[in-house]
Amino acid sequence: MLTWTLIHSLWIGAVVVILSRAGAAMTNKAHLKGKIRLASLFLFLIATGLFFLSQIDFRSVEYLEILIDGNSRHDIDRSLTQRLATWISSNSLLISMIWLAGSILNMTRYYLGCYRIKQIRHFSSPCKHAQVLESITKIVRQLRIQSKVDVRISALINSPLTSGWIKPVIYLPIGMITGFSTEEIETILYHEMVHIKRKDYLVNLVLASLETLFFFNPFVLVIIKEIRNDMEYACDDRVIEFNEKLTYVHALVKLQELRITHKPGLAAKGNNSEFIKRINKMMNRTNNSNEMSKLIPGLIICLFLMIAIIGSAFIGKAEPAKEVIDVNAAKVIRQDTIKVGSKEELGRKIKGISKDQLAETVFVLNGKVVPVISGENLDKGETMMKHIKKELMRDGILSAENKRVKLMFQYSDLLNGKEVLGDKYPKYKKIFNSYFPTYDSYATTKVFKFDN
């Protein structure tokens, strides 16, 4: 269930990215764009959660599969989508373990970031600059911030940093105090105080949690990045609404120069592209056409994902035991497709149909095509089942203490063989392959019962 939920979260994320960008293209206001994208992210969580719950429900659904010799039926089961679904189902434990390992690594990275903030606080000192403290008091009054805001100076950072929600702290780089004018410092402080007013620290906690869980999903990561950018743009908008625009732009340019001075690699890597976007936006050099242009690659990606994944939406779910029916003939029903609503009705319909006519007839049960096998393969399957049951009892796997053993046979493999058979799994897979070689068309589930 978990594995298929993670996989289907990819196309769900692609759809949500397109919806969020379409919504964001309808407004020029950064804070509204951020709210739209945040709502889209919650829509993603709801859709993914509902898919997970739907898998739980489908596990209890009973259905019938009739097996016959016709290759045309087996072509349906051996499609690329079916093979991919079979591979994913048989390797679901491995995929889940890889996801868990990635989540733990991302969680570790997050806690290392928290530890770094603690180190910054430990080696920082309270700001005693009179003009800075005066600016803080003024901004707190303007924004009507209820909590007390602490300002500290640190030599470990090269750009302002805000942390905490109940007791927010603004950390300023030591070079900013001596290299910036009072008005420039005030605009930077205003930006950080708007973050506190908007409670962006809490939003970042949610985003960090989602990054940890969906680190593999590029669409979720794209939305998270855009939300963070929108938070910065929204704070910039508030700053230039109540302060001189050019003063703030000059302050941001000085901050960027300060970063590059401490880390020259930033300029070489082109990491200042987002900074340029911020400046252009404040200078009114961007518009919503960028949002619309981003929809085109998103639509193409979503289309490919929908074709590749959504077709297997119900294939990856764990399959309950399938009933095998031998079909012997006498009477012909001259229909290409027969729709039935229950196993009993299906049994009545197939009674008396000749094997040749049955091979040309498609049965549909509850909206699903029912693949079929009989004759030589059925006899061979019964012989194999007797062989396997004998070996299960000889190995002590099927015994008085363990009276039921369920095995799922799918093409050339036992899907649950590793969990049920343990180190005996290769032995029973070899037996299965001796009767039905690799990629032979045989798929069923058998419950072996202990006989006293």
Protein backbone atom coordinates (compact mmCIF):
# COMPACT_ATOMS: atom_id res chain seq x y z
CA MET A 1 0.00 0.00 0.00
CA LEU A 2 2.74 2.44 0.98
CA THR A 3 4.78 1.73 -2.14
CA TRP A 4 1.90 2.38 -4.53
CA THR A 5 0.90 5.50 -2.62
CA LEU A 6 4.42 6.88 -3.04
CA ILE A 7 4.44 6.07 -6.77
CA HIS A 8 1.02 7.56 -7.48
CA SER A 9 1.97 10.69 -5.54
CA LEU A 10 4.11 11.55 -8.59
CA TRP A 11 1.24 12.09 -11.02
CA ILE A 12 -0.87 13.66 -8.26
CA GLY A 13 1.98 16.11 -7.66
CA ALA A 14 2.21 16.89 -11.38
CA VAL A 15 -1.50 17.73 -11.54
CA VAL A 16 -1.26 19.90 -8.43
CA VAL A 17 1.73 21.83 -9.85
CA ILE A 18 -0.30 22.68 -12.95
CA LEU A 19 -3.31 23.73 -10.85
CA SER A 20 -1.16 25.88 -8.55
CA ARG A 21 0.53 27.66 -11.46
CA ALA A 22 -2.77 28.22 -13.21
CA GLY A 23 -4.16 29.76 -10.01
CA ALA A 24 -1.02 31.83 -9.38
CA ALA A 25 -1.20 33.23 -12.92
CA MET A 26 -4.51 34.90 -12.03
CA THR A 27 -2.94 37.39 -9.61
CA ASN A 28 0.11 39.66 -9.35
CA LYS A 29 0.17 39.71 -5.55
CA ALA A 30 2.85 37.50 -4.05
CA HIS A 31 0.99 36.77 -0.81
CA LEU A 32 -2.03 35.51 -2.80
CA LYS A 33 0.22 33.36 -4.99
CA GLY A 34 1.70 31.85 -1.85
CA LYS A 35 -1.74 31.07 -0.42
CA ILE A 36 -2.83 29.44 -3.68
CA ARG A 37 0.26 27.25 -3.79
CA LEU A 38 -0.08 26.38 -0.11
CA ALA A 39 -3.71 25.36 -0.71
CA SER A 40 -2.54 23.27 -3.69
CA LEU A 41 -0.03 21.54 -1.45
CA PHE A 42 -2.77 20.63 1.03
CA LEU A 43 -4.86 19.39 -1.90
CA PHE A 44 -1.94 17.12 -2.80
CA LEU A 45 -1.87 15.74 0.75
CA ILE A 46 -5.62 15.10 0.73
CA ALA A 47 -5.52 13.36 -2.68
CA THR A 48 -2.54 11.22 -1.66
CA GLY A 49 -4.21 10.33 1.64
CA LEU A 50 -7.45 9.36 -0.11
CA PHE A 51 -5.51 7.15 -2.51
CA PHE A 52 -3.86 5.41 0.46
CA LEU A 53 -7.25 4.84 2.10
CA SER A 54 -8.75 3.57 -1.17
CA GLN A 55 -6.06 0.88 -1.29
CA ILE A 56 -7.07 -0.31 2.17
CA ASP A 57 -10.68 -0.58 0.99
CA PHE A 58 -9.75 -2.47 -2.17
CA ARG A 59 -7.85 -5.09 -0.24
CA SER A 60 -11.16 -6.50 1.02
CA VAL A 61 -12.79 -6.74 -2.44
CA GLU A 62 -13.35 -10.31 -3.67
CA TYR A 63 -13.18 -11.15 -7.35
CA LEU A 64 -12.85 -14.22 -9.56
CA GLU A 65 -10.25 -15.08 -12.16
CA ILE A 66 -10.83 -18.00 -14.51
CA LEU A 67 -7.72 -19.43 -16.13
CA ILE A 68 -7.57 -20.86 -19.69
CA ASP A 69 -5.06 -21.66 -22.39
CA GLY A 70 -5.73 -18.79 -24.81
CA ASN A 71 -2.69 -16.65 -25.53
CA SER A 72 -4.89 -13.69 -26.42
CA ARG A 73 -6.03 -13.50 -22.77
CA HIS A 74 -2.49 -13.73 -21.48
CA ASP A 75 -1.38 -10.83 -23.64
CA ILE A 76 -3.55 -8.63 -21.41
CA ASP A 77 -1.80 -9.84 -18.24
CA ARG A 78 1.65 -9.62 -19.78
CA SER A 79 1.40 -6.02 -20.92
CA LEU A 80 4.18 -3.62 -20.02
CA THR A 81 2.01 -1.95 -17.38
CA GLN A 82 1.18 -5.31 -15.80
CA ARG A 83 4.81 -6.40 -15.74
CA LEU A 84 5.84 -3.09 -14.20
CA ALA A 85 3.09 -3.43 -11.59
CA THR A 86 4.18 -7.00 -10.83
CA TRP A 87 7.79 -5.91 -10.41
CA ILE A 88 6.81 -3.04 -8.12
CA SER A 89 4.55 -5.31 -6.03
CA SER A 90 7.25 -7.96 -5.66
CA ASN A 91 9.84 -5.33 -4.69
CA SER A 92 7.55 -3.18 -2.55
CA LEU A 93 9.53 -3.90 0.61
CA LEU A 94 12.79 -2.78 -1.02
CA ILE A 95 11.17 0.40 -2.38
CA SER A 96 9.68 1.18 1.04
CA MET A 97 13.06 0.66 2.73
CA ILE A 98 14.75 3.01 0.23
CA TRP A 99 12.06 5.62 0.92
CA LEU A 100 12.51 5.19 4.67
CA ALA A 101 16.29 5.57 4.37
CA GLY A 102 15.87 8.74 2.30
CA SER A 103 13.40 10.17 4.82
CA ILE A 104 15.79 9.48 7.68
CA LEU A 105 18.64 11.19 5.79
CA ASN A 106 16.48 14.25 5.14
CA MET A 107 15.34 14.31 8.76
CA THR A 108 18.98 14.15 9.84
CA ARG A 109 19.79 17.07 7.54
CA TYR A 110 16.95 19.09 9.07
CA TYR A 111 18.15 18.44 12.62
CA LEU A 112 21.68 19.39 11.61
CA GLY A 113 20.23 22.71 10.41
CA CYS A 114 18.55 23.16 13.80
CA TYR A 115 21.84 22.35 15.51
CA ARG A 116 23.59 24.98 13.36
CA ILE A 117 21.07 27.60 14.50
CA LYS A 118 21.82 26.65 18.12
CA GLN A 119 25.52 27.09 17.39
CA ILE A 120 24.84 30.50 15.83
CA ARG A 121 22.89 31.54 18.92
CA HIS A 122 25.59 30.25 21.27
CA PHE A 123 28.32 32.26 19.55
CA SER A 124 26.21 35.37 18.94
CA SER A 125 25.94 38.47 21.10
CA PRO A 126 22.99 40.80 21.85
CA CYS A 127 22.75 43.81 19.57
CA LYS A 128 23.49 47.02 21.51
CA HIS A 129 23.43 49.36 18.54
CA ALA A 130 21.06 52.16 19.60
CA GLN A 131 19.73 52.91 16.10
CA VAL A 132 19.02 49.23 15.42
CA LEU A 133 17.11 48.84 18.68
CA GLU A 134 15.18 52.01 17.95
CA SER A 135 14.26 50.71 14.49
CA ILE A 136 13.07 47.42 16.00
CA THR A 137 10.80 49.22 18.44
CA LYS A 138 9.38 51.35 15.63
CA ILE A 139 8.70 48.37 13.34
CA VAL A 140 7.13 46.29 16.13
CA ARG A 141 4.72 49.14 16.73
CA GLN A 142 3.93 49.55 13.02
CA LEU A 143 3.30 45.83 12.42
CA ARG A 144 1.58 45.34 15.79
CA ILE A 145 3.69 42.34 16.69
CA GLN A 146 2.73 41.05 20.14
CA SER A 147 5.77 38.92 20.99
CA LYS A 148 9.11 40.33 22.04
CA VAL A 149 11.71 40.26 19.25
CA ASP A 150 15.36 39.73 20.13
CA VAL A 151 18.15 40.98 17.81
CA ARG A 152 21.59 39.40 17.96
CA ILE A 153 24.88 39.83 16.05
CA SER A 154 26.77 36.82 14.66
CA ALA A 155 30.04 36.36 12.81
CA LEU A 156 28.94 32.89 11.57
CA ILE A 157 26.39 34.16 9.03
CA ASN A 158 26.58 36.37 5.95
CA SER A 159 22.88 37.25 5.65
CA PRO A 160 20.05 38.00 8.11
CA LEU A 161 18.39 34.97 9.70
CA THR A 162 15.13 34.71 11.65
CA SER A 163 14.23 31.75 13.86
CA GLY A 164 11.62 30.95 16.46
CA TRP A 165 7.92 31.71 16.68
CA ILE A 166 7.02 32.10 20.36
CA LYS A 167 10.32 33.90 21.05
CA PRO A 168 11.53 35.09 17.63
CA VAL A 169 15.18 36.03 17.19
CA ILE A 170 16.70 38.01 14.30
CA TYR A 171 20.39 37.33 13.66
CA LEU A 172 22.34 39.97 11.74
CA PRO A 173 25.80 39.45 10.18
CA ILE A 174 28.47 41.48 11.89
CA GLY A 175 29.45 43.22 8.63
CA MET A 176 25.96 44.60 8.20
CA ILE A 177 26.13 46.85 11.26
CA THR A 178 29.25 48.68 10.09
CA GLY A 179 28.72 48.63 6.31
CA PHE A 180 25.05 49.67 6.00
CA SER A 181 23.30 52.96 6.55
CA THR A 182 20.59 53.27 9.21
CA GLU A 183 17.85 53.40 6.56
CA GLU A 184 19.18 50.28 4.82
CA ILE A 185 19.36 48.36 8.08
CA GLU A 186 15.80 49.40 8.86
CA THR A 187 14.49 48.03 5.54
CA ILE A 188 16.25 44.70 6.13
CA LEU A 189 14.84 44.53 9.67
CA TYR A 190 11.39 45.35 8.30
CA HIS A 191 11.65 42.41 5.92
CA GLU A 192 12.57 40.02 8.74
CA MET A 193 9.82 41.39 10.98
CA VAL A 194 7.22 40.80 8.25
CA HIS A 195 8.31 37.12 8.26
CA ILE A 196 7.56 37.07 12.00
CA LYS A 197 4.22 38.81 11.51
CA ARG A 198 3.21 36.30 8.80
CA LYS A 199 4.36 33.36 10.98
CA ASP A 200 6.48 32.07 8.10
CA TYR A 201 8.56 30.07 10.56
CA LEU A 202 5.59 27.72 11.11
CA VAL A 203 5.03 27.44 7.35
CA ASN A 204 8.70 26.49 6.95
CA LEU A 205 8.25 23.72 9.54
CA VAL A 206 5.40 22.25 7.48
CA LEU A 207 7.40 22.57 4.26
CA ALA A 208 10.44 20.91 5.86
CA SER A 209 8.24 17.99 6.98
CA LEU A 210 6.87 17.54 3.47
CA GLU A 211 10.39 17.71 2.02
CA THR A 212 11.35 14.89 4.37
CA LEU A 213 8.42 12.66 3.36
CA PHE A 214 8.31 13.45 -0.37
CA PHE A 215 12.01 14.07 -1.07
CA PHE A 216 11.73 11.82 -4.16
CA ASN A 217 8.85 13.77 -5.71
CA PRO A 218 10.16 16.58 -7.97
CA PHE A 219 6.70 18.16 -8.26
CA VAL A 220 6.29 18.56 -4.50
CA LEU A 221 9.79 20.03 -4.29
CA VAL A 222 8.92 22.52 -7.06
CA ILE A 223 5.80 23.70 -5.19
CA ILE A 224 7.74 24.01 -1.93
CA LYS A 225 10.44 26.09 -3.64
CA GLU A 226 7.82 28.37 -5.20
CA ILE A 227 6.06 28.82 -1.84
CA ARG A 228 9.33 29.89 -0.24
CA ASN A 229 10.01 32.31 -3.08
CA ASP A 230 6.51 33.76 -2.71
CA MET A 231 7.13 34.29 1.01
CA GLU A 232 10.19 36.37 0.16
CA TYR A 233 8.34 38.31 -2.54
CA ALA A 234 5.43 39.00 -0.17
CA CYS A 235 7.81 40.39 2.45
CA ASP A 236 9.54 42.49 -0.20
CA ASP A 237 6.16 43.93 -1.23
CA ARG A 238 5.41 44.96 2.35
CA VAL A 239 8.83 46.58 2.73
CA ILE A 240 8.58 48.77 -0.38
CA GLU A 241 5.00 49.65 0.55
CA PHE A 242 6.14 51.47 3.68
CA ASN A 243 9.80 52.26 2.83
CA GLU A 244 11.83 53.79 0.04
CA LYS A 245 12.17 51.24 -2.76
CA LEU A 246 15.66 52.26 -3.91
CA THR A 247 16.99 52.20 -0.35
CA TYR A 248 15.78 48.62 0.06
CA VAL A 249 17.19 47.57 -3.32
CA HIS A 250 20.59 49.05 -2.42
CA ALA A 251 20.47 47.16 0.89
CA LEU A 252 19.75 43.87 -0.89
CA VAL A 253 22.60 44.48 -3.35
CA LYS A 254 24.99 45.06 -0.44
CA LEU A 255 23.79 41.85 1.20
CA GLN A 256 24.44 39.93 -2.00
CA GLU A 257 27.92 41.40 -2.22
CA LEU A 258 28.48 40.36 1.40
CA ARG A 259 27.46 36.77 0.59
CA ILE A 260 29.73 36.60 -2.47
CA THR A 261 32.62 38.03 -0.45
CA HIS A 262 32.29 35.20 2.07
CA LYS A 263 31.43 32.53 -0.55
CA PRO A 264 32.86 33.41 -3.98
CA GLY A 265 31.42 30.16 -5.39
CA LEU A 266 27.94 31.68 -5.30
CA ALA A 267 28.72 33.92 -8.24
CA ALA A 268 30.42 31.16 -10.24
CA LYS A 269 27.47 28.78 -9.74
CA GLY A 270 24.94 31.36 -10.83
CA ASN A 271 23.11 31.16 -7.50
CA ASN A 272 22.20 34.83 -7.72
CA SER A 273 19.44 34.17 -10.29
CA GLU A 274 16.75 34.24 -7.62
CA PHE A 275 18.19 37.48 -6.26
CA ILE A 276 17.94 39.06 -9.74
CA LYS A 277 14.31 37.92 -9.98
CA ARG A 278 13.55 39.65 -6.68
CA ILE A 279 15.11 42.88 -7.87
CA ASN A 280 13.32 42.75 -11.23
CA LYS A 281 10.02 42.09 -9.53
CA MET A 282 10.41 45.09 -7.23
CA MET A 283 11.34 47.23 -10.21
CA ASN A 284 8.17 46.02 -12.01
CA ARG A 285 10.06 44.18 -14.74
CA THR A 286 8.17 40.88 -14.47
CA ASN A 287 4.59 39.83 -15.12
CA ASN A 288 2.31 36.84 -15.04
CA SER A 289 3.35 35.57 -18.47
CA ASN A 290 6.14 33.68 -16.69
CA GLU A 291 3.55 31.71 -14.73
CA MET A 292 1.67 30.79 -17.89
CA SER A 293 4.83 29.76 -19.75
CA LYS A 294 5.68 27.38 -16.91
CA LEU A 295 2.42 25.52 -17.50
CA ILE A 296 3.48 24.12 -20.87
CA PRO A 297 6.31 21.80 -19.69
CA GLY A 298 4.18 20.88 -16.69
CA LEU A 299 1.34 19.79 -18.96
CA ILE A 300 3.69 17.67 -21.08
CA ILE A 301 5.23 16.00 -18.04
CA CYS A 302 1.82 15.39 -16.51
CA LEU A 303 0.56 13.82 -19.74
CA PHE A 304 3.44 11.33 -19.83
CA LEU A 305 3.02 10.51 -16.15
CA MET A 306 -0.71 9.98 -16.55
CA ILE A 307 -0.09 7.54 -19.42
CA ALA A 308 2.71 5.69 -17.62
CA ILE A 309 1.25 5.48 -14.12
CA ILE A 310 -2.48 6.06 -13.86
CA GLY A 311 -3.16 3.02 -16.04
CA SER A 312 -1.81 0.87 -13.23
CA ALA A 313 -3.85 2.59 -10.52
CA PHE A 314 -5.55 -0.62 -9.43
CA ILE A 315 -3.01 -3.18 -10.58
CA GLY A 316 -0.52 -2.63 -7.79
CA LYS A 317 -2.95 -3.45 -5.01
CA ALA A 318 -2.53 -6.73 -3.17
CA GLU A 319 -4.65 -9.39 -4.79
CA PRO A 320 -6.87 -11.75 -2.78
CA ALA A 321 -7.06 -15.48 -3.50
CA LYS A 322 -8.26 -16.31 -6.98
CA GLU A 323 -10.62 -19.21 -7.68
CA VAL A 324 -9.61 -21.58 -10.51
CA ILE A 325 -12.45 -23.14 -12.50
CA ASP A 326 -12.06 -25.94 -15.05
CA VAL A 327 -14.22 -25.31 -18.08
CA ASN A 328 -15.61 -28.37 -19.95
CA ALA A 329 -17.84 -27.93 -22.88
CA ALA A 330 -20.89 -28.88 -24.86
CA LYS A 331 -22.98 -25.83 -25.66
CA VAL A 332 -21.96 -22.72 -27.62
CA ILE A 333 -22.89 -19.16 -26.70
CA ARG A 334 -22.37 -17.01 -29.76
CA GLN A 335 -21.31 -13.77 -28.09
CA ASP A 336 -18.04 -11.89 -28.29
CA THR A 337 -18.44 -10.21 -24.87
CA ILE A 338 -20.46 -11.46 -21.91
CA LYS A 339 -21.01 -9.18 -18.93
CA VAL A 340 -21.79 -10.82 -15.58
CA GLY A 341 -22.44 -9.36 -12.14
CA SER A 342 -21.38 -12.25 -9.87
CA LYS A 343 -19.35 -15.44 -9.73
CA GLU A 344 -22.55 -17.51 -9.72
CA GLU A 345 -23.81 -15.86 -12.89
CA LEU A 346 -20.40 -16.33 -14.50
CA GLY A 347 -20.52 -20.06 -13.68
CA ARG A 348 -23.94 -20.37 -15.30
CA LYS A 349 -22.83 -18.49 -18.42
CA ILE A 350 -19.71 -20.60 -19.07
CA LYS A 351 -21.43 -23.92 -18.45
CA GLY A 352 -21.56 -25.88 -21.69
CA ILE A 353 -19.37 -23.50 -23.78
CA SER A 354 -16.91 -25.29 -26.06
CA LYS A 355 -13.21 -24.65 -25.53
CA ASP A 356 -12.77 -23.18 -29.02
CA GLN A 357 -15.69 -20.79 -28.60
CA LEU A 358 -14.60 -19.92 -25.05
CA ALA A 359 -11.19 -18.84 -26.38
CA GLU A 360 -12.97 -16.25 -28.53
CA THR A 361 -15.27 -14.98 -25.78
CA VAL A 362 -14.46 -12.12 -23.40
CA PHE A 363 -16.03 -12.21 -19.93
CA VAL A 364 -16.43 -8.99 -17.95
CA LEU A 365 -17.04 -9.21 -14.18
CA ASN A 366 -17.69 -5.99 -12.25
CA GLY A 367 -16.26 -3.94 -15.11
CA LYS A 368 -13.04 -6.00 -15.36
CA VAL A 369 -12.00 -8.45 -18.09
CA VAL A 370 -11.61 -11.93 -16.60
CA PRO A 371 -8.55 -13.71 -18.02
CA VAL A 372 -8.97 -17.55 -18.44
CA ILE A 373 -6.86 -20.93 -18.54
CA SER A 374 -7.87 -24.63 -18.76
CA GLY A 375 -6.90 -27.95 -20.29
CA GLU A 376 -3.23 -28.92 -20.24
CA ASN A 377 -2.03 -25.98 -18.13
CA LEU A 378 -4.76 -26.61 -15.55
CA ASP A 379 -3.76 -30.29 -15.24
CA LYS A 380 -0.10 -29.26 -15.02
CA GLY A 381 -1.01 -26.69 -12.36
CA GLU A 382 -2.83 -29.27 -10.24
CA THR A 383 0.15 -31.62 -10.45
CA MET A 384 2.47 -28.77 -9.41
CA MET A 385 0.24 -27.85 -6.46
CA LYS A 386 0.35 -31.44 -5.19
CA HIS A 387 4.15 -31.42 -5.54
CA ILE A 388 4.50 -28.13 -3.68
CA LYS A 389 2.13 -29.22 -0.90
CA LYS A 390 4.18 -32.40 -0.40
CA GLU A 391 7.39 -30.35 -0.13
CA LEU A 392 5.76 -27.83 2.24
CA MET A 393 4.82 -30.65 4.62
CA ARG A 394 8.24 -32.26 4.27
CA ASP A 395 9.97 -28.96 5.13
CA GLY A 396 7.64 -28.35 8.09
CA ILE A 397 6.29 -25.11 6.61
CA LEU A 398 2.80 -26.66 6.42
CA SER A 399 2.19 -28.47 9.71
CA ALA A 400 -0.23 -28.99 12.58
CA GLU A 401 1.00 -25.72 14.08
CA ASN A 402 0.76 -23.83 10.77
CA LYS A 403 -2.31 -25.28 9.05
CA ARG A 404 -2.63 -22.73 6.22
CA VAL A 405 0.03 -21.49 3.80
CA LYS A 406 -0.90 -18.97 1.10
CA LEU A 407 1.32 -18.60 -1.99
CA MET A 408 0.83 -16.15 -4.87
CA PHE A 409 2.03 -17.50 -8.24
CA GLN A 410 2.64 -14.78 -10.84
CA TYR A 411 4.31 -15.66 -14.17
CA SER A 412 7.76 -16.95 -13.12
CA ASP A 413 7.80 -15.89 -9.47
CA LEU A 414 6.16 -16.36 -6.07
CA LEU A 415 5.22 -12.80 -5.10
CA ASN A 416 5.06 -13.46 -1.35
CA GLY A 417 7.57 -16.31 -1.40
CA LYS A 418 10.34 -14.54 0.51
CA GLU A 419 8.06 -13.65 3.42
CA VAL A 420 6.29 -17.02 3.63
CA LEU A 421 9.07 -19.46 2.71
CA GLY A 422 12.16 -17.68 4.03
CA ASP A 423 15.41 -19.38 2.92
CA LYS A 424 13.36 -22.10 1.19
CA TYR A 425 12.04 -19.57 -1.34
CA PRO A 426 14.60 -20.40 -4.11
CA LYS A 427 13.67 -24.10 -3.86
CA TYR A 428 9.96 -23.49 -4.43
CA LYS A 429 10.57 -20.94 -7.16
CA LYS A 430 12.65 -23.60 -8.94
CA ILE A 431 9.77 -26.08 -8.62
CA PHE A 432 7.34 -23.50 -10.03
CA ASN A 433 9.65 -22.74 -12.96
CA SER A 434 10.09 -26.46 -13.72
CA TYR A 435 6.36 -26.68 -14.44
CA PHE A 436 5.93 -23.19 -15.88
CA PRO A 437 9.17 -21.74 -17.35
CA THR A 438 10.03 -18.05 -17.15
CA TYR A 439 7.30 -15.77 -18.58
CA ASP A 440 4.91 -18.71 -19.05
CA SER A 441 1.32 -17.53 -18.70
CA TYR A 442 0.28 -18.81 -15.28
CA ALA A 443 -1.04 -16.66 -12.44
CA THR A 444 -3.10 -17.69 -9.43
CA THR A 445 -3.16 -17.74 -5.63
CA LYS A 446 -3.36 -21.02 -3.72
CA VAL A 447 -4.09 -21.67 -0.05
CA PHE A 448 -2.53 -24.97 1.05
CA LYS A 449 -4.28 -26.64 4.02
CA PHE A 450 -2.73 -29.17 6.37
CA ASP A 451 -4.31 -32.63 6.30
CA ASN A 452 -4.10 -34.77 9.41
